[in-house]
Protein backbone atom coordinates (compact mmCIF):
# COMPACT_ATOMS: atom_id res chain seq x y z
CA MET A 1 47.70 -161.48 -62.37
CA MET A 2 47.15 -161.19 -58.62
CA PHE A 3 45.01 -158.88 -56.55
CA THR A 4 46.66 -157.27 -53.55
CA THR A 5 45.77 -154.60 -51.06
CA ASN A 6 47.90 -151.50 -51.12
CA PRO A 7 49.57 -150.69 -47.78
CA MET A 8 53.08 -149.36 -48.11
CA GLN A 9 54.58 -152.75 -47.30
CA GLN A 10 53.01 -154.09 -50.49
CA LEU A 11 54.66 -151.53 -52.77
CA SER A 12 57.72 -153.65 -53.48
CA LEU A 13 55.74 -156.71 -54.58
CA TYR A 14 55.34 -157.54 -58.24
CA THR A 15 51.73 -158.67 -58.68
CA GLY A 16 51.27 -158.76 -62.45
CA ALA A 17 48.51 -156.15 -62.23
CA VAL A 18 48.12 -153.85 -65.25
CA SER A 19 47.82 -150.11 -64.63
CA ARG A 20 45.19 -148.10 -66.46
CA SER A 21 43.78 -144.58 -66.09
CA ILE A 22 40.61 -142.89 -67.35
CA SER A 23 40.39 -139.14 -67.88
CA PRO A 24 38.94 -136.83 -70.55
CA GLU A 25 42.27 -137.34 -72.34
CA ASN A 26 41.73 -141.13 -72.41
CA PRO A 27 38.02 -141.79 -71.76
CA ARG A 28 38.26 -145.57 -72.28
CA GLY A 29 41.50 -146.04 -70.36
CA GLU A 30 43.11 -147.77 -73.32
CA LYS A 31 46.80 -148.62 -73.47
CA GLY A 32 48.83 -145.98 -75.31
CA CYS A 33 45.78 -143.83 -76.07
CA GLY A 34 46.17 -140.91 -73.68
CA GLY A 35 46.31 -137.36 -75.03
CA MET A 36 45.29 -138.30 -78.59
CA SER A 37 42.40 -135.84 -78.93
CA VAL A 38 42.56 -133.26 -81.71
CA ASP A 39 39.17 -131.63 -81.15
CA GLY A 40 38.61 -131.37 -77.41
CA PRO A 41 37.13 -128.48 -75.42
CA ALA A 42 40.60 -126.85 -75.03
CA HIS A 43 41.59 -127.17 -78.71
CA HIS A 44 41.62 -123.38 -79.06
CA ALA A 45 44.22 -123.04 -76.29
CA ALA A 46 46.33 -125.76 -77.95
CA ARG A 47 45.92 -124.45 -81.49
CA ASP A 48 49.61 -123.42 -81.78
CA LEU A 49 50.86 -126.75 -80.38
CA GLY A 50 48.64 -129.44 -81.90
CA GLN A 51 47.84 -132.98 -80.87
CA GLY A 52 49.14 -134.17 -77.52
CA TRP A 53 49.14 -130.73 -75.89
CA LYS A 54 46.23 -130.73 -73.41
CA VAL A 55 43.36 -130.67 -75.90
CA SER A 56 40.76 -132.49 -73.71
CA PRO A 57 41.50 -131.87 -70.02
CA TYR A 58 37.84 -131.63 -68.95
CA VAL A 59 34.25 -132.41 -69.91
CA ASN A 60 31.21 -130.16 -69.87
CA ILE A 61 27.99 -131.66 -68.50
CA GLU A 62 24.82 -129.84 -69.47
CA ALA A 63 22.05 -129.12 -66.99
CA GLY A 64 20.04 -132.22 -66.20
CA GLN A 65 22.45 -134.56 -68.00
CA THR A 66 24.35 -137.57 -66.68
CA HIS A 67 27.90 -138.15 -67.88
CA THR A 68 29.64 -141.53 -67.71
CA LEU A 69 33.01 -140.89 -66.14
CA ALA A 70 34.18 -144.50 -66.44
CA ASP A 71 32.96 -147.68 -68.14
CA ILE A 72 35.47 -150.49 -67.59
CA ASP A 73 35.23 -154.08 -68.82
CA GLY A 74 37.01 -156.98 -67.18
CA ALA A 75 38.18 -157.68 -63.64
CA GLY A 76 40.14 -155.19 -61.60
CA ALA A 77 40.04 -152.55 -58.89
CA ILE A 78 39.84 -148.77 -58.83
CA ARG A 79 42.62 -147.43 -56.61
CA HIS A 80 42.25 -143.63 -56.78
CA ILE A 81 39.71 -141.06 -57.94
CA TRP A 82 40.59 -137.38 -58.38
CA LEU A 83 37.96 -134.86 -59.42
CA THR A 84 37.27 -131.14 -59.38
CA CYS A 85 34.50 -129.16 -60.96
CA ALA A 86 33.17 -125.67 -61.60
CA GLY A 87 29.52 -124.66 -61.69
CA LEU A 88 28.36 -127.10 -59.01
CA THR A 89 27.71 -127.00 -55.29
CA ALA A 90 28.17 -130.04 -53.08
CA ARG A 91 24.58 -131.17 -53.47
CA ASN A 92 23.61 -130.50 -57.11
CA ALA A 93 25.76 -133.28 -58.54
CA ILE A 94 25.05 -136.95 -57.83
CA LEU A 95 27.81 -139.57 -57.99
CA ARG A 96 26.85 -143.17 -58.76
CA MET A 97 28.92 -146.36 -59.05
CA TYR A 98 27.75 -149.69 -60.45
CA TRP A 99 29.61 -153.01 -60.21
CA ASP A 100 29.21 -156.09 -62.42
CA ASP A 101 26.09 -155.15 -64.42
CA ALA A 102 24.10 -154.27 -61.29
CA ALA A 103 20.95 -152.26 -61.97
CA VAL A 104 21.13 -150.53 -58.57
CA PRO A 105 24.12 -148.26 -57.83
CA SER A 106 26.29 -149.46 -54.97
CA VAL A 107 27.25 -145.80 -54.49
CA GLU A 108 24.59 -143.09 -54.78
CA CYS A 109 25.56 -139.89 -53.07
CA PRO A 110 25.82 -136.13 -53.54
CA LEU A 111 29.29 -135.40 -54.84
CA GLY A 112 30.51 -133.20 -52.00
CA ASP A 113 29.25 -135.50 -49.27
CA PHE A 114 31.01 -138.50 -50.81
CA PHE A 115 34.28 -136.56 -50.52
CA CYS A 116 33.42 -135.45 -46.94
CA ASN A 117 32.69 -131.84 -47.94
CA ALA A 118 28.95 -131.21 -47.81
CA TYR A 119 29.44 -127.47 -47.61
CA LEU A 120 31.20 -126.97 -50.96
CA PRO A 121 31.86 -124.62 -52.73
CA GLU A 122 33.20 -123.36 -49.38
CA TYR A 123 36.52 -125.21 -49.60
CA ARG A 124 37.74 -126.88 -46.42
CA HIS A 125 40.95 -128.87 -46.35
CA LEU A 126 40.64 -132.49 -45.24
CA SER A 127 43.44 -135.01 -44.85
CA SER A 128 42.93 -138.72 -44.18
CA LEU A 129 44.09 -142.04 -45.57
CA ALA A 130 40.79 -142.63 -47.37
CA VAL A 131 39.71 -139.15 -48.53
CA CYS A 132 41.70 -135.97 -49.11
CA VAL A 133 40.39 -132.57 -50.16
CA ASN A 134 43.30 -130.38 -51.20
CA PRO A 135 43.63 -126.77 -52.41
CA ARG A 136 41.38 -125.77 -54.12
CA ASN A 137 38.53 -128.31 -54.18
CA GLY A 138 40.81 -131.12 -55.29
CA LEU A 139 38.64 -134.12 -54.33
CA ASN A 140 40.49 -137.43 -53.81
CA CYS A 141 39.31 -140.90 -52.79
CA TYR A 142 41.69 -143.81 -52.07
CA PHE A 143 39.20 -146.54 -51.14
CA GLU A 144 39.87 -149.69 -53.15
CA MET A 145 36.90 -150.65 -55.35
CA PRO A 146 37.12 -154.19 -56.78
CA PHE A 147 34.96 -155.47 -59.67
CA ARG A 148 34.86 -158.80 -61.47
CA LYS A 149 33.05 -158.09 -64.77
CA ASN A 150 32.81 -154.34 -65.19
CA ALA A 151 32.61 -151.00 -63.42
CA ARG A 152 30.60 -147.91 -64.35
CA ILE A 153 30.77 -144.48 -62.68
CA THR A 154 28.43 -141.63 -63.58
CA LEU A 155 27.96 -138.01 -62.51
CA GLU A 156 24.56 -136.33 -62.81
CA ASN A 157 24.37 -132.54 -63.13
CA CYS A 158 21.25 -131.48 -61.21
CA SER A 159 22.03 -127.77 -61.45
CA GLY A 160 20.41 -125.28 -63.79
CA GLY A 161 23.56 -124.68 -65.84
CA THR A 162 26.54 -126.32 -67.48
CA CYS A 163 29.27 -127.67 -65.21
CA THR A 164 32.90 -128.25 -66.08
CA VAL A 165 34.47 -131.39 -64.61
CA TYR A 166 38.12 -132.43 -64.52
CA PHE A 167 38.74 -136.00 -63.35
CA GLN A 168 41.11 -138.95 -63.33
CA ILE A 169 40.26 -142.51 -62.29
CA ASP A 170 43.28 -144.75 -61.70
CA TYR A 171 42.72 -148.51 -61.65
CA VAL A 172 44.35 -151.88 -62.22
CA LEU A 173 43.24 -154.87 -64.25
CA CYS A 174 43.86 -158.00 -62.20
CA GLU A 175 42.28 -161.13 -60.78
CA ILE A 176 39.92 -160.56 -57.86
CA PRO A 177 39.71 -163.20 -55.09
CA ASP A 178 36.37 -164.58 -53.94
CA ASN A 179 36.62 -162.88 -50.53
CA ALA A 180 37.01 -159.33 -51.91
CA GLY A 181 33.87 -157.28 -51.22
CA TYR A 182 32.17 -154.62 -53.31
CA PHE A 183 32.56 -151.00 -52.22
CA HIS A 184 29.37 -149.17 -51.20
CA ALA A 185 28.33 -145.73 -49.98
CA GLN A 186 24.87 -144.64 -48.79
CA PHE A 187 23.55 -141.13 -48.13
CA HIS A 188 20.91 -140.09 -45.59
CA ARG A 189 19.54 -136.75 -44.47
CA SER A 190 17.28 -135.87 -41.54
CA ASN A 191 16.19 -132.23 -41.74
CA PRO A 192 15.08 -131.71 -39.08
CA LEU A 193 15.48 -134.95 -37.19
CA PRO A 194 12.05 -135.74 -35.68
CA TYR A 195 11.84 -135.33 -31.92
CA LYS A 196 13.01 -138.43 -30.02
CA SER A 197 14.07 -140.10 -33.28
CA VAL A 198 17.47 -141.41 -34.32
CA HIS A 199 19.33 -140.67 -37.54
CA THR A 200 19.94 -143.69 -39.78
CA LEU A 201 23.44 -144.01 -41.18
CA LEU A 202 23.06 -147.37 -42.93
CA GLU A 203 20.22 -149.68 -43.88
CA GLY A 204 19.96 -152.59 -46.30
CA ALA A 205 23.52 -153.93 -45.97
CA SER A 206 23.43 -157.72 -46.16
CA GLY A 207 25.60 -160.79 -46.59
CA HIS A 208 29.23 -160.86 -45.49
CA GLY A 209 30.86 -157.47 -45.17
CA GLN A 210 32.51 -154.80 -43.09
CA TYR A 211 31.60 -151.24 -42.20
CA ILE A 212 34.56 -148.99 -42.98
CA GLY A 213 33.63 -145.36 -42.50
CA THR A 214 31.30 -142.48 -41.70
CA TYR A 215 31.05 -138.88 -42.83
CA MET A 216 28.57 -136.53 -41.17
CA ALA A 217 27.50 -132.96 -41.89
CA TRP A 218 25.85 -131.74 -38.71
CA GLY A 219 23.85 -128.51 -38.58
CA VAL A 220 22.99 -127.50 -35.00
CA ASN A 221 19.60 -125.91 -34.28
CA ASN A 222 19.93 -125.45 -30.49
CA ASN A 223 22.30 -123.64 -28.18
CA GLY A 224 24.75 -125.73 -26.19
CA TRP A 225 26.54 -129.00 -26.81
CA TRP A 226 24.96 -131.26 -29.42
CA GLY A 227 26.98 -134.49 -29.36
CA GLU A 228 25.87 -136.62 -26.41
CA GLY A 229 24.20 -139.17 -28.69
CA GLU A 230 25.45 -142.73 -29.10
CA ILE A 231 26.19 -144.52 -32.37
CA LYS A 232 24.81 -148.07 -32.56
CA PHE A 233 25.75 -150.97 -34.87
CA TYR A 234 23.01 -153.61 -35.19
CA LEU A 235 24.76 -156.72 -36.50
CA ASP A 236 23.49 -160.07 -37.80
CA GLY A 237 19.91 -159.98 -36.62
CA ASP A 238 20.20 -157.55 -33.69
CA ASP A 239 16.76 -156.10 -33.06
CA ASP A 240 16.09 -153.78 -30.11
CA PHE A 241 19.66 -153.51 -28.87
CA PRO A 242 22.95 -153.36 -30.81
CA THR A 243 26.11 -155.39 -30.49
CA VAL A 244 28.36 -152.30 -30.79
CA CYS A 245 27.30 -149.17 -28.91
CA GLY A 246 29.38 -146.02 -28.56
CA THR A 247 29.52 -143.55 -25.67
CA GLY A 248 28.96 -140.24 -27.49
CA THR A 249 29.26 -138.53 -30.84
CA GLU A 250 32.64 -136.89 -30.27
CA ASP A 251 33.92 -140.15 -28.79
CA TYR A 252 32.98 -142.08 -31.95
CA PHE A 253 34.87 -139.52 -34.03
CA CYS A 254 37.87 -140.12 -31.75
CA GLY A 255 37.72 -136.83 -29.84
CA ALA A 256 36.59 -136.13 -26.28
CA TYR A 257 34.84 -133.58 -24.10
CA ASN A 258 32.91 -131.75 -26.84
CA PHE A 259 36.04 -131.12 -28.97
CA ASP A 260 36.24 -128.06 -26.70
CA ASN A 261 39.77 -126.80 -26.08
CA GLY A 262 38.88 -123.18 -25.41
CA GLY A 263 36.44 -123.50 -28.33
CA TYR A 264 35.93 -126.12 -31.00
CA GLU A 265 39.37 -127.34 -32.07
CA GLU A 266 39.65 -128.53 -35.66
CA PHE A 267 41.70 -131.67 -36.21
CA HIS A 268 42.69 -134.02 -39.03
CA THR A 269 44.21 -137.46 -38.58
CA PRO A 270 44.56 -140.42 -40.97
CA TYR A 271 41.48 -142.03 -39.40
CA SER A 272 39.25 -139.27 -38.01
CA GLY A 273 38.68 -135.54 -37.90
CA MET A 274 36.33 -132.66 -37.13
CA ILE A 275 35.98 -129.41 -39.06
CA PRO A 276 33.88 -126.55 -37.63
CA HIS A 277 32.41 -124.30 -40.31
CA PRO A 278 32.60 -120.61 -39.42
CA THR A 279 29.57 -118.41 -38.83
CA ASP A 280 29.24 -114.68 -39.46
CA GLN A 281 26.50 -114.15 -36.84
CA THR A 282 24.30 -112.53 -39.51
CA TYR A 283 23.46 -114.80 -42.41
CA LYS A 284 25.57 -117.86 -41.56
CA SER A 285 24.21 -117.93 -38.05
CA GLN A 286 24.03 -121.66 -37.27
CA LYS A 287 26.91 -123.85 -36.14
CA ARG A 288 27.80 -126.56 -38.68
CA PHE A 289 30.37 -129.32 -38.52
CA SER A 290 31.98 -131.89 -40.78
CA LEU A 291 33.10 -135.10 -39.08
CA TYR A 292 34.78 -138.20 -40.48
CA ARG A 293 35.78 -141.57 -39.05
CA PHE A 294 37.38 -144.27 -41.17
CA HIS A 295 37.60 -147.82 -39.78
CA ILE A 296 40.76 -148.69 -41.68
CA THR A 297 42.39 -150.65 -38.88
CA ASP A 298 39.15 -151.55 -37.07
CA PRO A 299 36.36 -152.48 -39.53
CA VAL A 300 33.03 -153.54 -38.04
CA TYR A 301 32.35 -157.01 -39.49
CA PHE A 302 28.98 -158.62 -40.20
CA SER A 303 28.02 -161.98 -41.70
CA GLU A 304 24.26 -161.50 -42.27
CA ASN A 305 23.27 -157.84 -42.13
CA CYS A 306 24.17 -154.47 -40.67
CA ARG A 307 22.19 -151.41 -39.62
CA VAL A 308 23.74 -148.27 -38.11
CA THR A 309 22.05 -145.36 -36.30
CA ILE A 310 23.14 -142.37 -34.23
CA GLN A 311 21.31 -140.36 -31.59
CA ALA A 312 21.26 -136.56 -31.42
CA LEU A 313 21.34 -135.42 -27.80
CA GLY A 314 22.03 -132.15 -26.05
CA TRP A 315 21.29 -130.91 -22.53
CA ARG A 316 18.27 -129.29 -20.93
CA SER A 317 17.61 -128.01 -17.41
CA GLY A 318 18.15 -130.24 -14.44
CA GLY A 319 21.01 -132.17 -16.03
CA ARG A 320 18.63 -133.97 -18.41
CA TYR A 321 19.29 -135.05 -21.99
CA LEU A 322 17.54 -133.04 -24.73
CA PRO A 323 16.59 -134.97 -27.89
CA LEU A 324 17.69 -132.62 -30.67
CA GLN A 325 16.00 -131.80 -33.97
CA ASP A 326 19.12 -130.93 -35.95
CA ASP A 327 19.88 -130.98 -39.68
CA ILE A 328 21.97 -134.14 -40.03
CA SER A 329 23.40 -135.67 -43.22
CA SER A 330 25.63 -138.71 -43.45
CA VAL A 331 27.50 -141.03 -45.77
CA ALA A 332 28.14 -144.62 -44.68
CA TYR A 333 30.96 -146.51 -46.43
CA TRP A 334 31.12 -150.31 -46.39
CA TYR A 335 31.99 -153.46 -48.30
CA GLN A 336 29.73 -156.47 -48.83
CA ASP A 337 30.00 -159.65 -50.85
CA LYS A 338 27.32 -158.72 -53.42
CA PRO A 339 26.15 -155.38 -54.85
CA ILE A 340 23.23 -153.97 -52.88
CA VAL A 341 19.75 -154.60 -54.30
CA ARG A 342 18.07 -151.43 -52.97
CA GLN A 343 19.26 -147.99 -51.97
CA PRO A 344 17.04 -145.49 -50.13
CA ALA A 345 15.65 -142.82 -52.45
CA LEU A 346 17.62 -139.60 -52.46
CA PRO A 347 15.77 -136.40 -51.56
CA ASP A 348 14.94 -134.06 -54.43
CA GLN A 349 17.08 -130.96 -54.96
CA ASP A 350 15.07 -128.88 -52.49
CA GLY A 351 15.43 -131.70 -49.96
CA LEU A 352 19.21 -131.84 -50.53
CA GLU A 353 19.90 -128.10 -50.46
CA ILE A 354 21.69 -126.74 -47.40
CA ILE A 355 20.30 -123.35 -46.41
């Protein structure tokens, strides 16, 4: 069985990969074992129809509990994750992914932020090649996630009540080549960003790898334009100055001139987008933005280590830059040749909450 990437030109190739899928209807992803439940949470709705008629379409996760969404043995790659839930906001569920018996999660991130929607349950459509959020709160991820021994995905319910989660994880069992990296995602929040400081997007990435994407939830605390800051990629031992340095926040997210076309203009493309979140001038008084940039055709490669930061700059009198103290959250997505050995500690629930 061969491993292959999945652009459209690969669709006609026979690789010998074996398709599997995990959902509440087949929690182990076993061959020929989908829809076998006779006593699932929807058994009452299916009581006139019996086995095979949507008896276990979801799971309930009690307050404070962690549910294992997937536990896969063998070598393979996750190709697609779909998930939706009730009873949770974007920040009171934590998604974690572990590869090959690693003790530290390679992905540790609030659920909504991982799917580029920090401001859930306020649904906002998002369309890209890597992440799609479709009506209504249909969360989809298409990043390929290889593993060589096993894969484990968990979801922690940090809310005060029971949450209902529907999900499907589609994957293949196949051989994985030596040069296939492990998928990672890292969350950071600066609230507020200290004066004259920079926001860290990524720290601790090491070995051979490539940086493949950024999501940011940006809450503005000043009047005026907020995106003059530069993104900086410190690669392979860079210290004071980076190898890759951008020209401005909107430029990095592939826009220009403040995204201002008679006002902020929302856009979605396969690789980048910006979503302004509406205010009501009374209670939702602050401007907030979701921004994504996926390096699908232009990964940033490193062979030793990688650190990524972004400045927050506006304007003050006299045509001078103003270091901003905004509420900034981010998710960095990358691959590296070994699972990460340390992730930064997540804030507690009060530190994660968006107010």
